[in-house]
Every structure is written in structure tokens, then in C-alpha cells.
Amino acid sequence: MSRLVLATRNAHKVTELRRILHDAGTDVELLGTDAFPDVPDVPETGLTFAANALLKAHAVARATGLPAVADDSGLCVDALNGMPGIFSARWAGRHGDDTANLELLLAQLADIGPEHRAAHFTCAAALALPDGTEHVVEGRLTGTLTDAPRGTGGFGYDPILRVDGDSRTTAELTADEKNAISHRGKAFRALAPIIAELVTRDRG
């Protein structure tokens, strides 16, 4: 069985992509970078989601000698010209402080009416092979930002994005409902047939 590495130590992401690949009929063994303790974390120095995803995928492919997948995602707000974007996880200055990021973003939009609060989550998912071959796809989840957090599910900006066509925020959806429409799920599902094609090609 061909092996593929997902550039993450997040077991949830590995499980999600493994399920998507299985549903797509792709016969591949998916590993996280936990299986390769010597693989270092890759700085996200790119200026786009796609650039960051490719940086990580290429670095892991080089380090492991195996095809690698990586993703980068964030929230893009129309009224802020697409920001926080690639800076979503550190919008308030400290990486991963979800509460501070949320509070700062809501404060910045305090005077913006509901008709101008459109936003979307974007995820870029990249596949890189050890020979330098690369593919990148994107997935989006569109919605409108609420005035205050709602819901206890998810993480990051999930409590303030009300999904288009639904009255709930992504933090109010069940895990299965969110996975079915999430930006990362869409990106991974778009990448699955590309992975399958490469596996078939390599076996041929």
C-alpha cells in the first residue's frame, strides 16, 4: 500500500483526511508527522494560504521521502479586505489565542452593519511529491459574521460565522454537519481524486 504523510500532529485532521480518502476509494496508508519525530515544524512564511500549504507539503515530502499533504486556512472578512486571512491564528498578536482574536475582530467590526459583514473560511490543501510535483486546491465556507459569539462547538472563529442558508454559526452545528460543509473538508475532498490518480500512476 502506498504511504502518504499529512503535515500535521493533529490527530483529528489525520482522521478526517483518512475518512475522506477511504470514501473516495483511495487505497493509501495515511500517516501524520507524529510518525516521523525528526520532521521539524515548518514556518508559515508565505503570503497566501496556497503558498503556506505548499511550503509545508514540500518540506515534509523532502524530509520523509514520501508524498505529503498540507493545508492552511483562515477567515477572510470582506469589510477588512480579506483579513485576517493568513494571520487569522495570530490576529491579536499571540498565536492561537482564540478569545483575543475573536474579541479584536468583533471590536474592529463594531460599526459595520449586518449587510456588510460577509466573510468566508478558506482552506488551501496542497499535495507535494518528493520529485517536486505539486498540486493545490481550495475550499470555502461562506457566511455572515454575527455581533457576538454563539455556540460551543468548533474553535477559532467558528462562533461568529453564521453559515449562508442557515441560522446557526459553525459553532452551533454538529460535528457531522460541520464536516460535511467545512472549507477544509471541501479542499480535502477536491484533493482526493488527485491523490488517487497519483497512487494509480505510481503503481502502474
N, C-alpha and C. Protein backbone atom coordinates (compact mmCIF):
# COMPACT_ATOMS: atom_id res chain seq x y z
N MET A 1 0.84 -1.20 0.00
CA MET A 1 0.00 0.00 0.00
C MET A 1 0.88 1.25 0.00
N SER A 2 0.55 2.22 -0.85
CA SER A 2 1.31 3.47 -0.89
C SER A 2 1.09 4.25 0.39
N ARG A 3 2.12 4.97 0.80
CA ARG A 3 2.03 5.77 2.02
C ARG A 3 2.00 7.26 1.68
N LEU A 4 1.28 8.00 2.49
CA LEU A 4 1.10 9.43 2.31
C LEU A 4 1.20 10.08 3.69
N VAL A 5 1.87 11.23 3.78
CA VAL A 5 2.03 11.92 5.06
C VAL A 5 1.21 13.20 5.05
N LEU A 6 0.43 13.41 6.10
CA LEU A 6 -0.27 14.67 6.29
C LEU A 6 0.55 15.52 7.24
N ALA A 7 0.90 16.72 6.83
CA ALA A 7 1.80 17.58 7.59
C ALA A 7 1.09 18.20 8.79
N THR A 8 0.81 17.37 9.77
CA THR A 8 0.16 17.84 10.99
C THR A 8 0.41 16.84 12.11
N ARG A 9 0.36 17.33 13.34
CA ARG A 9 0.37 16.46 14.51
C ARG A 9 -1.02 16.42 15.14
N ASN A 10 -2.00 16.94 14.41
CA ASN A 10 -3.39 16.99 14.87
C ASN A 10 -4.08 15.69 14.45
N ALA A 11 -4.36 14.83 15.42
CA ALA A 11 -4.95 13.52 15.12
C ALA A 11 -6.32 13.67 14.46
N HIS A 12 -7.07 14.72 14.79
CA HIS A 12 -8.39 14.93 14.19
C HIS A 12 -8.28 15.16 12.68
N LYS A 13 -7.29 15.94 12.27
CA LYS A 13 -7.09 16.19 10.83
C LYS A 13 -6.72 14.90 10.11
N VAL A 14 -5.87 14.09 10.72
CA VAL A 14 -5.47 12.82 10.11
C VAL A 14 -6.69 11.92 9.94
N THR A 15 -7.51 11.84 10.96
CA THR A 15 -8.72 11.01 10.90
C THR A 15 -9.67 11.51 9.82
N GLU A 16 -9.81 12.83 9.72
CA GLU A 16 -10.71 13.42 8.72
C GLU A 16 -10.26 13.08 7.31
N LEU A 17 -8.98 13.30 7.01
CA LEU A 17 -8.49 13.03 5.66
C LEU A 17 -8.51 11.52 5.39
N ARG A 18 -8.20 10.72 6.38
CA ARG A 18 -8.23 9.26 6.19
C ARG A 18 -9.64 8.81 5.79
N ARG A 19 -10.66 9.38 6.44
CA ARG A 19 -12.05 9.03 6.12
C ARG A 19 -12.42 9.49 4.71
N ILE A 20 -11.98 10.70 4.34
CA ILE A 20 -12.28 11.23 3.00
C ILE A 20 -11.63 10.37 1.93
N LEU A 21 -10.38 9.97 2.14
CA LEU A 21 -9.68 9.13 1.17
C LEU A 21 -10.36 7.75 1.07
N HIS A 22 -10.79 7.21 2.20
CA HIS A 22 -11.48 5.92 2.20
C HIS A 22 -12.78 6.02 1.42
N ASP A 23 -13.55 7.09 1.67
CA ASP A 23 -14.83 7.28 0.97
C ASP A 23 -14.63 7.44 -0.53
N ALA A 24 -13.46 7.99 -0.91
CA ALA A 24 -13.16 8.18 -2.34
C ALA A 24 -12.58 6.92 -2.97
N GLY A 25 -12.43 5.86 -2.18
CA GLY A 25 -11.91 4.62 -2.70
C GLY A 25 -10.41 4.63 -2.94
N THR A 26 -9.70 5.52 -2.23
CA THR A 26 -8.26 5.64 -2.41
C THR A 26 -7.54 4.73 -1.43
N ASP A 27 -6.82 3.76 -1.97
CA ASP A 27 -6.13 2.76 -1.15
C ASP A 27 -4.74 3.27 -0.80
N VAL A 28 -4.66 4.03 0.30
CA VAL A 28 -3.39 4.63 0.69
C VAL A 28 -3.30 4.62 2.21
N GLU A 29 -2.10 4.43 2.73
CA GLU A 29 -1.87 4.49 4.18
C GLU A 29 -1.50 5.92 4.55
N LEU A 30 -2.36 6.57 5.34
CA LEU A 30 -2.12 7.96 5.72
C LEU A 30 -1.48 8.04 7.09
N LEU A 31 -0.39 8.78 7.19
CA LEU A 31 0.32 8.98 8.45
C LEU A 31 0.39 10.47 8.76
N GLY A 32 0.43 10.80 10.05
CA GLY A 32 0.71 12.17 10.47
C GLY A 32 2.20 12.33 10.71
N THR A 33 2.64 13.55 10.92
CA THR A 33 4.08 13.76 11.15
C THR A 33 4.54 13.22 12.50
N ASP A 34 3.61 12.84 13.37
CA ASP A 34 3.99 12.18 14.63
C ASP A 34 4.76 10.89 14.35
N ALA A 35 4.51 10.29 13.19
CA ALA A 35 5.19 9.05 12.83
C ALA A 35 6.65 9.30 12.42
N PHE A 36 7.00 10.59 12.29
CA PHE A 36 8.35 10.97 11.87
C PHE A 36 8.88 12.03 12.85
N PRO A 37 9.37 11.61 14.01
CA PRO A 37 9.76 12.56 15.06
C PRO A 37 10.83 13.57 14.63
N ASP A 38 11.62 13.24 13.63
CA ASP A 38 12.69 14.15 13.21
C ASP A 38 12.23 15.24 12.25
N VAL A 39 10.99 15.17 11.80
CA VAL A 39 10.48 16.20 10.89
C VAL A 39 10.16 17.46 11.69
N PRO A 40 10.81 18.58 11.38
CA PRO A 40 10.58 19.80 12.15
C PRO A 40 9.29 20.50 11.73
N ASP A 41 8.78 21.36 12.60
CA ASP A 41 7.66 22.22 12.22
C ASP A 41 8.14 23.20 11.17
N VAL A 42 7.27 23.50 10.22
CA VAL A 42 7.65 24.37 9.09
C VAL A 42 7.04 25.76 9.30
N PRO A 43 7.86 26.82 9.35
CA PRO A 43 7.33 28.17 9.49
C PRO A 43 6.43 28.55 8.31
N GLU A 44 5.29 29.16 8.61
CA GLU A 44 4.36 29.59 7.56
C GLU A 44 4.72 31.00 7.13
N THR A 45 5.68 31.10 6.23
CA THR A 45 6.20 32.41 5.80
C THR A 45 5.61 32.89 4.49
N GLY A 46 4.70 32.11 3.89
CA GLY A 46 4.07 32.51 2.64
C GLY A 46 3.06 33.64 2.85
N LEU A 47 2.67 34.28 1.76
CA LEU A 47 1.73 35.40 1.82
C LEU A 47 0.33 35.01 1.39
N THR A 48 0.11 33.72 1.09
CA THR A 48 -1.21 33.21 0.75
C THR A 48 -1.40 31.86 1.42
N PHE A 49 -2.66 31.43 1.52
CA PHE A 49 -2.93 30.10 2.06
C PHE A 49 -2.24 29.03 1.21
N ALA A 50 -2.32 29.17 -0.11
CA ALA A 50 -1.73 28.18 -1.00
C ALA A 50 -0.22 28.11 -0.81
N ALA A 51 0.43 29.28 -0.70
CA ALA A 51 1.89 29.29 -0.52
C ALA A 51 2.29 28.60 0.77
N ASN A 52 1.56 28.84 1.85
CA ASN A 52 1.89 28.19 3.13
C ASN A 52 1.67 26.68 3.07
N ALA A 53 0.57 26.27 2.43
CA ALA A 53 0.30 24.84 2.31
C ALA A 53 1.39 24.15 1.49
N LEU A 54 1.81 24.78 0.41
CA LEU A 54 2.86 24.20 -0.43
C LEU A 54 4.20 24.15 0.30
N LEU A 55 4.52 25.20 1.06
CA LEU A 55 5.76 25.21 1.84
C LEU A 55 5.83 23.99 2.76
N LYS A 56 4.73 23.75 3.47
CA LYS A 56 4.71 22.64 4.42
C LYS A 56 4.73 21.29 3.71
N ALA A 57 3.96 21.16 2.62
CA ALA A 57 3.91 19.89 1.91
C ALA A 57 5.27 19.53 1.32
N HIS A 58 5.94 20.49 0.70
CA HIS A 58 7.25 20.22 0.10
C HIS A 58 8.28 19.88 1.18
N ALA A 59 8.24 20.60 2.30
CA ALA A 59 9.21 20.35 3.36
C ALA A 59 9.05 18.94 3.93
N VAL A 60 7.81 18.51 4.13
CA VAL A 60 7.57 17.18 4.69
C VAL A 60 7.89 16.10 3.65
N ALA A 61 7.59 16.35 2.39
CA ALA A 61 7.94 15.38 1.34
C ALA A 61 9.46 15.18 1.26
N ARG A 62 10.19 16.29 1.37
CA ARG A 62 11.66 16.18 1.33
C ARG A 62 12.19 15.43 2.55
N ALA A 63 11.60 15.72 3.71
CA ALA A 63 12.11 15.14 4.96
C ALA A 63 11.79 13.65 5.08
N THR A 64 10.67 13.22 4.50
CA THR A 64 10.25 11.83 4.67
C THR A 64 10.49 10.97 3.43
N GLY A 65 10.67 11.60 2.28
CA GLY A 65 10.79 10.85 1.04
C GLY A 65 9.48 10.27 0.56
N LEU A 66 8.36 10.77 1.10
CA LEU A 66 7.02 10.28 0.76
C LEU A 66 6.16 11.44 0.25
N PRO A 67 5.13 11.16 -0.54
CA PRO A 67 4.18 12.20 -0.90
C PRO A 67 3.59 12.81 0.38
N ALA A 68 3.38 14.11 0.36
CA ALA A 68 2.88 14.79 1.56
C ALA A 68 1.75 15.75 1.22
N VAL A 69 0.82 15.85 2.15
CA VAL A 69 -0.30 16.79 2.04
C VAL A 69 -0.21 17.76 3.21
N ALA A 70 -0.51 19.03 2.93
CA ALA A 70 -0.56 20.04 3.99
C ALA A 70 -1.69 21.01 3.69
N ASP A 71 -2.16 21.68 4.71
CA ASP A 71 -3.22 22.67 4.49
C ASP A 71 -2.96 23.92 5.31
N ASP A 72 -3.55 25.02 4.86
CA ASP A 72 -3.52 26.27 5.62
C ASP A 72 -4.88 26.91 5.45
N SER A 73 -5.40 27.49 6.52
CA SER A 73 -6.75 28.04 6.44
C SER A 73 -6.90 29.25 7.34
N GLY A 74 -7.99 29.98 7.13
CA GLY A 74 -8.27 31.15 7.95
C GLY A 74 -9.57 31.80 7.55
N LEU A 75 -9.88 32.90 8.23
CA LEU A 75 -11.11 33.65 7.99
C LEU A 75 -10.80 34.90 7.18
N CYS A 76 -11.58 35.12 6.14
CA CYS A 76 -11.40 36.30 5.28
C CYS A 76 -12.66 37.16 5.36
N VAL A 77 -12.52 38.40 5.80
CA VAL A 77 -13.66 39.29 6.02
C VAL A 77 -13.69 40.34 4.92
N ASP A 78 -14.83 40.43 4.23
CA ASP A 78 -14.94 41.36 3.11
C ASP A 78 -14.64 42.80 3.52
N ALA A 79 -15.20 43.24 4.65
CA ALA A 79 -15.04 44.63 5.08
C ALA A 79 -13.60 44.95 5.49
N LEU A 80 -12.79 43.93 5.70
CA LEU A 80 -11.38 44.12 6.08
C LEU A 80 -10.45 43.73 4.93
N ASN A 81 -11.00 43.80 3.70
CA ASN A 81 -10.20 43.47 2.51
C ASN A 81 -9.56 42.08 2.58
N GLY A 82 -10.33 41.12 3.12
CA GLY A 82 -9.86 39.75 3.17
C GLY A 82 -9.05 39.37 4.40
N MET A 83 -8.81 40.30 5.27
CA MET A 83 -8.12 40.00 6.52
C MET A 83 -9.13 39.46 7.54
N PRO A 84 -8.68 38.74 8.58
CA PRO A 84 -7.30 38.44 8.95
C PRO A 84 -6.56 37.46 8.05
N GLY A 85 -7.29 36.68 7.23
CA GLY A 85 -6.62 35.85 6.25
C GLY A 85 -5.56 34.93 6.84
N ILE A 86 -4.36 34.99 6.25
CA ILE A 86 -3.27 34.11 6.72
C ILE A 86 -2.82 34.44 8.14
N PHE A 87 -3.26 35.59 8.65
CA PHE A 87 -2.89 35.98 10.02
C PHE A 87 -3.98 35.62 11.03
N SER A 88 -4.95 34.82 10.62
CA SER A 88 -6.12 34.52 11.46
C SER A 88 -5.74 33.99 12.84
N ALA A 89 -4.77 33.09 12.90
CA ALA A 89 -4.43 32.45 14.18
C ALA A 89 -3.67 33.38 15.11
N ARG A 90 -3.15 34.49 14.58
CA ARG A 90 -2.38 35.42 15.43
C ARG A 90 -2.83 36.87 15.23
N TRP A 91 -4.12 37.04 14.94
CA TRP A 91 -4.65 38.37 14.64
C TRP A 91 -4.46 39.34 15.81
N ALA A 92 -4.57 38.85 17.03
CA ALA A 92 -4.42 39.71 18.21
C ALA A 92 -2.98 39.78 18.69
N GLY A 93 -2.07 39.12 17.98
CA GLY A 93 -0.66 39.24 18.30
C GLY A 93 0.00 37.98 18.82
N ARG A 94 -0.78 37.12 19.48
CA ARG A 94 -0.20 35.89 20.04
C ARG A 94 -0.84 34.69 19.36
N HIS A 95 -0.05 33.80 18.81
CA HIS A 95 -0.56 32.69 18.02
C HIS A 95 -1.47 31.79 18.85
N GLY A 96 -2.67 31.53 18.29
CA GLY A 96 -3.56 30.56 18.90
C GLY A 96 -4.43 31.07 20.04
N ASP A 97 -4.45 32.39 20.30
CA ASP A 97 -5.31 32.93 21.36
C ASP A 97 -6.68 33.22 20.77
N ASP A 98 -7.53 32.19 20.72
CA ASP A 98 -8.82 32.30 20.05
C ASP A 98 -9.69 33.42 20.62
N THR A 99 -9.73 33.52 21.95
CA THR A 99 -10.59 34.53 22.58
C THR A 99 -10.15 35.93 22.21
N ALA A 100 -8.85 36.20 22.29
CA ALA A 100 -8.33 37.54 21.95
C ALA A 100 -8.56 37.85 20.47
N ASN A 101 -8.35 36.87 19.61
CA ASN A 101 -8.57 37.08 18.18
C ASN A 101 -10.03 37.44 17.90
N LEU A 102 -10.94 36.70 18.51
CA LEU A 102 -12.37 36.95 18.33
C LEU A 102 -12.76 38.34 18.82
N GLU A 103 -12.31 38.68 20.01
CA GLU A 103 -12.68 39.97 20.59
C GLU A 103 -12.15 41.13 19.76
N LEU A 104 -10.92 41.01 19.27
CA LEU A 104 -10.35 42.08 18.45
C LEU A 104 -11.12 42.22 17.15
N LEU A 105 -11.43 41.12 16.49
CA LEU A 105 -12.15 41.19 15.23
C LEU A 105 -13.53 41.80 15.41
N LEU A 106 -14.25 41.39 16.44
CA LEU A 106 -15.58 41.94 16.69
C LEU A 106 -15.50 43.44 16.99
N ALA A 107 -14.47 43.85 17.71
CA ALA A 107 -14.30 45.28 18.01
C ALA A 107 -14.03 46.07 16.73
N GLN A 108 -13.27 45.49 15.83
CA GLN A 108 -12.96 46.18 14.57
C GLN A 108 -14.19 46.31 13.67
N LEU A 109 -15.16 45.43 13.88
CA LEU A 109 -16.37 45.45 13.05
C LEU A 109 -17.58 46.02 13.79
N ALA A 110 -17.36 46.63 14.92
CA ALA A 110 -18.46 47.07 15.78
C ALA A 110 -19.42 48.02 15.07
N ASP A 111 -18.93 48.87 14.18
CA ASP A 111 -19.77 49.85 13.49
C ASP A 111 -20.22 49.39 12.10
N ILE A 112 -19.95 48.13 11.78
CA ILE A 112 -20.30 47.60 10.46
C ILE A 112 -21.64 46.90 10.53
N GLY A 113 -22.59 47.33 9.68
CA GLY A 113 -23.92 46.75 9.68
C GLY A 113 -23.94 45.34 9.13
N PRO A 114 -25.02 44.60 9.41
CA PRO A 114 -25.10 43.20 9.00
C PRO A 114 -24.99 42.99 7.50
N GLU A 115 -25.42 43.99 6.73
CA GLU A 115 -25.36 43.83 5.28
C GLU A 115 -23.94 43.90 4.73
N HIS A 116 -22.99 44.33 5.57
CA HIS A 116 -21.60 44.44 5.14
C HIS A 116 -20.67 43.51 5.93
N ARG A 117 -21.23 42.47 6.54
CA ARG A 117 -20.43 41.59 7.40
C ARG A 117 -20.17 40.22 6.75
N ALA A 118 -20.19 40.19 5.43
CA ALA A 118 -19.92 38.92 4.73
C ALA A 118 -18.48 38.48 4.98
N ALA A 119 -18.30 37.17 5.08
CA ALA A 119 -16.96 36.61 5.32
C ALA A 119 -16.96 35.17 4.86
N HIS A 120 -15.80 34.59 4.78
CA HIS A 120 -15.72 33.16 4.44
C HIS A 120 -14.46 32.55 5.04
N PHE A 121 -14.57 31.29 5.38
CA PHE A 121 -13.41 30.49 5.72
C PHE A 121 -12.82 29.95 4.43
N THR A 122 -11.51 30.00 4.31
CA THR A 122 -10.81 29.42 3.16
C THR A 122 -9.79 28.41 3.64
N CYS A 123 -9.67 27.31 2.92
CA CYS A 123 -8.62 26.33 3.17
C CYS A 123 -7.93 25.98 1.86
N ALA A 124 -6.62 26.06 1.85
CA ALA A 124 -5.83 25.57 0.73
C ALA A 124 -5.20 24.25 1.15
N ALA A 125 -5.37 23.22 0.34
CA ALA A 125 -4.77 21.91 0.60
C ALA A 125 -3.80 21.60 -0.53
N ALA A 126 -2.58 21.24 -0.18
CA ALA A 126 -1.53 21.01 -1.17
C ALA A 126 -1.00 19.59 -1.08
N LEU A 127 -0.68 19.04 -2.24
CA LEU A 127 -0.01 17.75 -2.33
C LEU A 127 1.35 17.97 -2.98
N ALA A 128 2.40 17.47 -2.36
CA ALA A 128 3.74 17.57 -2.93
C ALA A 128 4.38 16.19 -2.95
N LEU A 129 5.02 15.87 -4.06
CA LEU A 129 5.75 14.61 -4.19
C LEU A 129 7.24 14.87 -4.01
N PRO A 130 7.99 13.85 -3.61
CA PRO A 130 9.43 14.04 -3.42
C PRO A 130 10.16 14.53 -4.67
N ASP A 131 9.59 14.28 -5.88
CA ASP A 131 10.24 14.74 -7.11
C ASP A 131 9.93 16.19 -7.44
N GLY A 132 9.16 16.87 -6.56
CA GLY A 132 8.85 18.28 -6.77
C GLY A 132 7.48 18.54 -7.38
N THR A 133 6.81 17.49 -7.85
CA THR A 133 5.45 17.65 -8.38
C THR A 133 4.54 18.22 -7.29
N GLU A 134 3.67 19.14 -7.68
CA GLU A 134 2.79 19.74 -6.68
C GLU A 134 1.39 20.00 -7.26
N HIS A 135 0.41 19.96 -6.38
CA HIS A 135 -0.98 20.29 -6.71
C HIS A 135 -1.54 21.04 -5.52
N VAL A 136 -2.39 22.03 -5.77
CA VAL A 136 -3.04 22.75 -4.67
C VAL A 136 -4.48 23.05 -5.06
N VAL A 137 -5.39 22.89 -4.12
CA VAL A 137 -6.81 23.16 -4.33
C VAL A 137 -7.31 23.99 -3.15
N GLU A 138 -8.48 24.61 -3.31
CA GLU A 138 -9.04 25.41 -2.23
C GLU A 138 -10.50 25.04 -1.98
N GLY A 139 -10.91 25.20 -0.72
CA GLY A 139 -12.30 25.04 -0.34
C GLY A 139 -12.76 26.25 0.44
N ARG A 140 -14.04 26.59 0.33
CA ARG A 140 -14.59 27.76 1.02
C ARG A 140 -15.88 27.43 1.73
N LEU A 141 -16.11 28.13 2.83
CA LEU A 141 -17.39 28.11 3.54
C LEU A 141 -17.79 29.56 3.76
N THR A 142 -18.87 29.98 3.12
CA THR A 142 -19.27 31.39 3.17
C THR A 142 -20.35 31.63 4.21
N GLY A 143 -20.38 32.87 4.70
CA GLY A 143 -21.37 33.22 5.68
C GLY A 143 -21.34 34.70 6.02
N THR A 144 -21.94 35.03 7.15
CA THR A 144 -22.01 36.41 7.65
C THR A 144 -21.59 36.42 9.11
N LEU A 145 -20.82 37.43 9.50
CA LEU A 145 -20.35 37.49 10.88
C LEU A 145 -21.42 38.03 11.82
N THR A 146 -21.59 37.38 12.96
CA THR A 146 -22.53 37.81 13.97
C THR A 146 -21.92 38.93 14.82
N ASP A 147 -22.75 39.52 15.68
CA ASP A 147 -22.26 40.59 16.57
C ASP A 147 -21.59 40.03 17.81
N ALA A 148 -21.89 38.77 18.13
CA ALA A 148 -21.34 38.16 19.35
C ALA A 148 -21.22 36.66 19.12
N PRO A 149 -20.32 36.00 19.85
CA PRO A 149 -20.14 34.55 19.68
C PRO A 149 -21.40 33.78 20.05
N ARG A 150 -21.65 32.71 19.29
CA ARG A 150 -22.77 31.81 19.56
C ARG A 150 -22.32 30.38 19.33
N GLY A 151 -22.62 29.51 20.29
CA GLY A 151 -22.30 28.10 20.14
C GLY A 151 -21.02 27.72 20.85
N THR A 152 -20.90 26.45 21.15
CA THR A 152 -19.75 25.97 21.91
C THR A 152 -18.91 24.95 21.14
N GLY A 153 -19.32 24.62 19.93
CA GLY A 153 -18.57 23.66 19.14
C GLY A 153 -17.46 24.36 18.35
N GLY A 154 -16.60 23.55 17.75
CA GLY A 154 -15.55 24.11 16.89
C GLY A 154 -14.50 24.85 17.68
N PHE A 155 -13.82 25.76 16.98
CA PHE A 155 -12.74 26.53 17.59
C PHE A 155 -12.50 27.76 16.74
N GLY A 156 -11.55 28.58 17.14
CA GLY A 156 -11.21 29.77 16.34
C GLY A 156 -12.39 30.70 16.18
N TYR A 157 -12.70 31.03 14.93
CA TYR A 157 -13.76 31.98 14.62
C TYR A 157 -15.11 31.31 14.40
N ASP A 158 -15.20 30.00 14.65
CA ASP A 158 -16.46 29.28 14.42
C ASP A 158 -17.67 29.93 15.10
N PRO A 159 -17.53 30.48 16.32
CA PRO A 159 -18.72 31.02 16.99
C PRO A 159 -19.29 32.30 16.37
N ILE A 160 -18.61 32.91 15.39
CA ILE A 160 -19.13 34.17 14.85
C ILE A 160 -19.44 34.11 13.35
N LEU A 161 -19.24 32.97 12.70
CA LEU A 161 -19.60 32.87 11.29
C LEU A 161 -20.93 32.14 11.15
N ARG A 162 -21.99 32.89 10.79
CA ARG A 162 -23.29 32.28 10.51
C ARG A 162 -23.26 31.79 9.08
N VAL A 163 -23.51 30.52 8.91
CA VAL A 163 -23.38 29.87 7.61
C VAL A 163 -24.48 30.35 6.66
N ASP A 164 -24.13 30.65 5.43
CA ASP A 164 -25.13 31.02 4.42
C ASP A 164 -26.16 29.91 4.29
N GLY A 165 -27.44 30.30 4.29
CA GLY A 165 -28.52 29.33 4.16
C GLY A 165 -28.90 28.65 5.46
N ASP A 166 -28.33 29.11 6.58
CA ASP A 166 -28.61 28.52 7.89
C ASP A 166 -28.67 29.65 8.90
N SER A 167 -29.41 29.45 9.97
CA SER A 167 -29.50 30.47 11.02
C SER A 167 -28.42 30.30 12.08
N ARG A 168 -27.64 29.22 11.97
CA ARG A 168 -26.66 28.89 13.00
C ARG A 168 -25.24 29.29 12.59
N THR A 169 -24.40 29.49 13.62
CA THR A 169 -22.97 29.66 13.36
C THR A 169 -22.35 28.28 13.21
N THR A 170 -21.11 28.25 12.73
CA THR A 170 -20.44 26.96 12.59
C THR A 170 -20.20 26.31 13.95
N ALA A 171 -20.17 27.11 15.02
CA ALA A 171 -20.00 26.55 16.37
C ALA A 171 -21.29 25.95 16.91
N GLU A 172 -22.42 26.20 16.22
CA GLU A 172 -23.70 25.63 16.64
C GLU A 172 -24.07 24.39 15.83
N LEU A 173 -23.28 24.06 14.82
CA LEU A 173 -23.52 22.86 14.04
C LEU A 173 -22.98 21.64 14.78
N THR A 174 -23.53 20.48 14.46
CA THR A 174 -22.94 19.25 14.98
C THR A 174 -21.64 19.00 14.24
N ALA A 175 -20.81 18.12 14.79
CA ALA A 175 -19.54 17.82 14.14
C ALA A 175 -19.75 17.27 12.74
N ASP A 176 -20.74 16.40 12.57
CA ASP A 176 -21.00 15.82 11.25
C ASP A 176 -21.50 16.87 10.27
N GLU A 177 -22.36 17.78 10.75
CA GLU A 177 -22.87 18.85 9.88
C GLU A 177 -21.73 19.76 9.43
N LYS A 178 -20.85 20.09 10.36
CA LYS A 178 -19.74 20.96 10.01
C LYS A 178 -18.78 20.28 9.04
N ASN A 179 -18.46 19.02 9.30
CA ASN A 179 -17.54 18.30 8.43
C ASN A 179 -18.06 18.21 7.00
N ALA A 180 -19.39 18.11 6.85
CA ALA A 180 -19.99 17.96 5.53
C ALA A 180 -19.84 19.21 4.67
N ILE A 181 -19.72 20.38 5.31
CA ILE A 181 -19.68 21.63 4.54
C ILE A 181 -18.41 22.45 4.77
N SER A 182 -17.53 21.98 5.64
CA SER A 182 -16.38 22.79 6.03
C SER A 182 -15.43 23.07 4.87
N HIS A 183 -14.73 24.17 4.98
CA HIS A 183 -13.76 24.57 3.96
C HIS A 183 -12.64 23.53 3.85
N ARG A 184 -12.19 23.00 4.98
CA ARG A 184 -11.13 22.00 4.94
C ARG A 184 -11.63 20.70 4.32
N GLY A 185 -12.85 20.29 4.69
CA GLY A 185 -13.42 19.09 4.10
C GLY A 185 -13.56 19.22 2.59
N LYS A 186 -14.01 20.39 2.12
CA LYS A 186 -14.16 20.61 0.68
C LYS A 186 -12.80 20.54 -0.01
N ALA A 187 -11.79 21.14 0.60
CA ALA A 187 -10.46 21.12 -0.01
C ALA A 187 -9.89 19.70 -0.05
N PHE A 188 -10.02 18.98 1.05
CA PHE A 188 -9.51 17.61 1.09
C PHE A 188 -10.25 16.72 0.08
N ARG A 189 -11.57 16.91 -0.03
CA ARG A 189 -12.33 16.09 -0.98
C ARG A 189 -11.93 16.41 -2.42
N ALA A 190 -11.61 17.68 -2.69
CA ALA A 190 -11.14 18.04 -4.04
C ALA A 190 -9.77 17.46 -4.33
N LEU A 191 -8.97 17.27 -3.29
CA LEU A 191 -7.62 16.73 -3.47
C LEU A 191 -7.62 15.21 -3.60
N ALA A 192 -8.65 14.55 -3.06
CA ALA A 192 -8.69 13.09 -3.02
C ALA A 192 -8.52 12.44 -4.39
N PRO A 193 -9.23 12.88 -5.45
CA PRO A 193 -9.04 12.22 -6.74
C PRO A 193 -7.65 12.44 -7.32
N ILE A 194 -7.02 13.55 -6.99
CA ILE A 194 -5.65 13.80 -7.45
C ILE A 194 -4.70 12.81 -6.77
N ILE A 195 -4.90 12.60 -5.48
CA ILE A 195 -4.10 11.61 -4.76
C ILE A 195 -4.32 10.23 -5.35
N ALA A 196 -5.59 9.89 -5.62
CA ALA A 196 -5.90 8.58 -6.18
C ALA A 196 -5.22 8.38 -7.53
N GLU A 197 -5.22 9.42 -8.35
CA GLU A 197 -4.61 9.33 -9.68
C GLU A 197 -3.10 9.09 -9.57
N LEU A 198 -2.46 9.79 -8.64
CA LEU A 198 -1.01 9.62 -8.48
C LEU A 198 -0.67 8.24 -7.94
N VAL A 199 -1.49 7.73 -7.02
CA VAL A 199 -1.27 6.38 -6.48
C VAL A 199 -1.38 5.35 -7.61
N THR A 200 -2.42 5.52 -8.45
CA THR A 200 -2.59 4.59 -9.58
C THR A 200 -1.44 4.68 -10.55
N ARG A 201 -0.99 5.91 -10.82
CA ARG A 201 0.12 6.10 -11.74
C ARG A 201 1.40 5.44 -11.21
N ASP A 202 1.64 5.64 -9.90
CA ASP A 202 2.87 5.09 -9.31
C ASP A 202 2.84 3.56 -9.32
N ARG A 203 1.65 2.99 -9.15
CA ARG A 203 1.55 1.52 -9.14
C ARG A 203 1.68 0.95 -10.55
N GLY A 204 1.24 1.78 -11.53
CA GLY A 204 1.33 1.29 -12.90
C GLY A 204 2.76 1.23 -13.39
